[in-house]
Protein backbone atom coordinates (compact mmCIF):
# COMPACT_ATOMS: atom_id res chain seq x y z
CA MET A 1 -0.04 -0.10 0.16
CA SER A 2 1.28 3.40 -0.58
CA THR A 3 3.23 5.41 1.83
CA LEU A 4 1.01 8.26 1.56
CA PHE A 5 -2.22 6.37 2.11
CA ARG A 6 -0.69 4.49 5.14
CA ASN A 7 0.61 7.88 6.79
CA VAL A 8 -2.95 9.27 6.13
CA LEU A 9 -4.37 6.14 7.82
CA GLY A 10 -1.90 6.18 10.67
CA LEU A 11 -2.56 9.95 11.42
CA GLY A 12 -6.30 9.63 11.31
CA ALA A 13 -7.13 5.81 11.69
CA ALA A 14 -10.03 6.73 13.80
CA VAL A 15 -11.16 9.46 11.39
CA VAL A 16 -12.78 6.50 9.66
CA MET A 17 -15.27 6.02 12.58
CA GLY A 18 -16.29 8.76 15.05
CA ALA A 19 -19.50 10.42 15.33
CA SER A 20 -19.93 14.19 15.92
CA PRO A 21 -18.85 15.22 19.22
CA PHE A 22 -22.04 16.92 20.13
CA ALA A 23 -23.73 13.58 19.96
CA ALA A 24 -21.37 11.81 22.50
CA ILE A 25 -23.07 10.48 25.71
CA ALA A 26 -21.46 10.26 28.99
CA ASP A 27 -19.64 6.94 30.24
CA THR A 28 -19.97 4.68 27.37
CA SER A 29 -16.42 3.93 26.99
CA LEU A 30 -15.44 0.79 24.82
CA GLY A 31 -12.07 1.26 25.72
CA VAL A 32 -8.43 2.83 24.59
CA TYR A 33 -6.95 1.32 21.84
CA GLN A 34 -3.45 2.27 20.30
CA THR A 35 -1.65 2.01 16.93
CA THR A 36 0.68 -0.97 16.75
CA ASP A 37 3.66 1.26 17.18
CA ARG A 38 1.97 2.46 20.45
CA LYS A 39 2.29 5.92 19.64
CA MET A 40 -1.19 7.19 19.36
CA ASP A 41 -4.03 6.32 21.70
CA TYR A 42 -7.75 6.48 20.66
CA THR A 43 -10.82 6.34 23.06
CA LEU A 44 -13.66 4.39 21.70
CA SER A 45 -17.13 5.10 23.04
CA LEU A 46 -20.67 4.77 22.03
CA CYS A 47 -22.56 8.01 21.18
CA GLY A 48 -25.27 9.41 19.09
CA PRO A 49 -29.04 10.02 19.92
CA ASP A 50 -29.81 6.30 20.50
CA GLY A 51 -26.31 5.66 21.99
CA LYS A 52 -25.49 2.99 19.38
CA GLY A 53 -23.25 5.08 17.46
CA LEU A 54 -19.41 4.90 17.49
CA CYS A 55 -17.24 7.97 18.42
CA VAL A 56 -13.47 7.64 18.40
CA LYS A 57 -11.27 10.35 19.79
CA LEU A 58 -7.53 10.81 19.56
CA THR A 59 -6.22 11.12 23.12
CA ALA A 60 -2.69 10.81 23.05
CA ILE A 61 0.22 11.18 20.62
CA ARG A 62 3.94 9.98 21.52
CA GLY A 63 7.36 9.82 19.93
CA SER A 64 7.82 10.56 16.23
CA ALA A 65 3.80 10.64 15.64
CA ASP A 66 3.92 13.82 17.70
CA ILE A 67 3.95 16.34 14.73
CA PRO A 68 1.70 19.40 13.59
CA ARG A 69 -0.20 17.40 11.29
CA THR A 70 -1.17 14.81 13.76
CA ARG A 71 -1.64 17.29 16.71
CA ALA A 72 -4.45 18.97 14.51
CA TYR A 73 -6.45 15.83 15.63
CA LEU A 74 -5.91 15.53 19.34
CA ASN A 75 -8.71 15.62 21.55
CA LYS A 76 -11.09 15.59 18.60
CA TYR A 77 -13.81 13.24 17.48
CA LEU A 78 -13.13 12.21 13.81
CA GLY A 79 -15.37 11.43 10.92
CA GLU A 80 -19.14 11.28 11.50
CA ASN A 81 -22.30 9.27 10.66
CA VAL A 82 -20.82 5.98 11.76
CA ARG A 83 -23.83 3.79 12.41
CA PRO A 84 -23.99 0.34 13.95
CA THR A 85 -24.58 -2.46 11.30
CA GLY A 86 -24.38 -5.49 13.81
CA GLU A 87 -22.74 -6.40 17.12
CA ASN A 88 -19.57 -4.36 17.41
CA THR A 89 -19.62 -3.37 13.72
CA TRP A 90 -20.24 0.12 12.44
CA GLN A 91 -20.20 1.49 9.12
CA GLY A 92 -20.20 5.17 7.72
CA THR A 93 -18.67 7.89 5.60
CA VAL A 94 -15.24 9.03 6.74
CA THR A 95 -12.83 11.92 6.11
CA VAL A 96 -9.15 11.57 6.44
CA GLN A 97 -7.25 14.50 5.82
CA GLY A 98 -9.51 16.01 3.10
CA TYR A 99 -10.05 12.46 1.55
CA THR A 100 -13.51 11.06 2.01
CA GLY A 101 -14.44 7.40 1.71
CA ASN A 102 -16.34 4.50 3.17
CA GLY A 103 -15.39 2.61 6.18
CA THR A 104 -16.30 -0.29 8.10
CA LEU A 105 -15.23 -0.84 11.85
CA THR A 106 -15.06 -3.93 13.77
CA LEU A 107 -14.53 -4.14 17.40
CA ASN A 108 -13.20 -7.54 19.12
CA PRO A 109 -13.11 -6.38 22.55
CA GLY A 110 -9.77 -6.81 24.33
CA LYS A 111 -8.30 -7.97 21.10
CA ASN A 112 -8.31 -5.36 18.54
CA PHE A 113 -10.33 -2.80 16.64
CA VAL A 114 -10.06 -3.05 12.99
CA ILE A 115 -10.98 -0.32 10.45
CA HIS A 116 -11.23 -1.01 6.62
CA GLY A 117 -11.41 2.20 4.74
CA CYS A 118 -11.54 2.93 1.11
CA VAL A 119 -10.69 6.15 -0.54
CA TYR A 120 -11.62 6.69 -4.12
CA VAL A 121 -13.19 3.30 -3.98
CA VAL A 122 -9.98 1.81 -5.47
CA VAL A 123 -7.52 2.42 -2.65
CA CYS A 124 -8.63 0.46 0.49
CA GLN A 125 -6.78 -0.72 3.56
CA ASP A 126 -7.14 -2.36 6.79
CA PHE A 127 -5.68 -0.73 9.91
CA THR A 128 -5.81 -2.47 13.23
CA LEU A 129 -5.47 -0.73 16.62
CA ILE A 130 -4.63 -3.05 19.75
CA PRO A 131 -5.82 -2.59 23.36
CA ALA A 132 -3.69 0.04 25.29
CA LYS A 133 -1.12 -1.22 27.58
CA LYS A 134 -2.18 -0.33 31.15
C-alpha cells in the first residue's frame, strides 16, 4: 500500500469512525486502543441520539507521531455518521485529511479494533488498533 495512504490512515485511523462530538453521551467507553507502534491512543465510546453510534477520539500522541499534522486531531472526534451494522460493527462515511471514503469498523473487545477504509473506491486498506497497555 502506498506510503501516503498508510500515513494518512496512521495519522487519522479513527477518522474512519467517530460520530459528531455533540452526540457523545457520558460514560459509554469501549476502551482505549493504540496504533501497533503504541504512538497514538484512541478512546472508543458509544454515542449518538440512540447511544449506538461510534465515536473515536484521538487522546494521546507520542514520539515520532507527535507532529503538527497529527496534533491537529488531538482531543477531537473524527469522522461522522458512523452507524451500527451489527454487534460490535459500524459503517459510515469518513474523512481523513481531506479524503472522503467509506469505512467499516469492527471491535473485537480486548483483542483489536479493525478499520477497513476505502478512499476513491480503489484504494482500500485495513488498519488495526490494539488494546492500550495499562
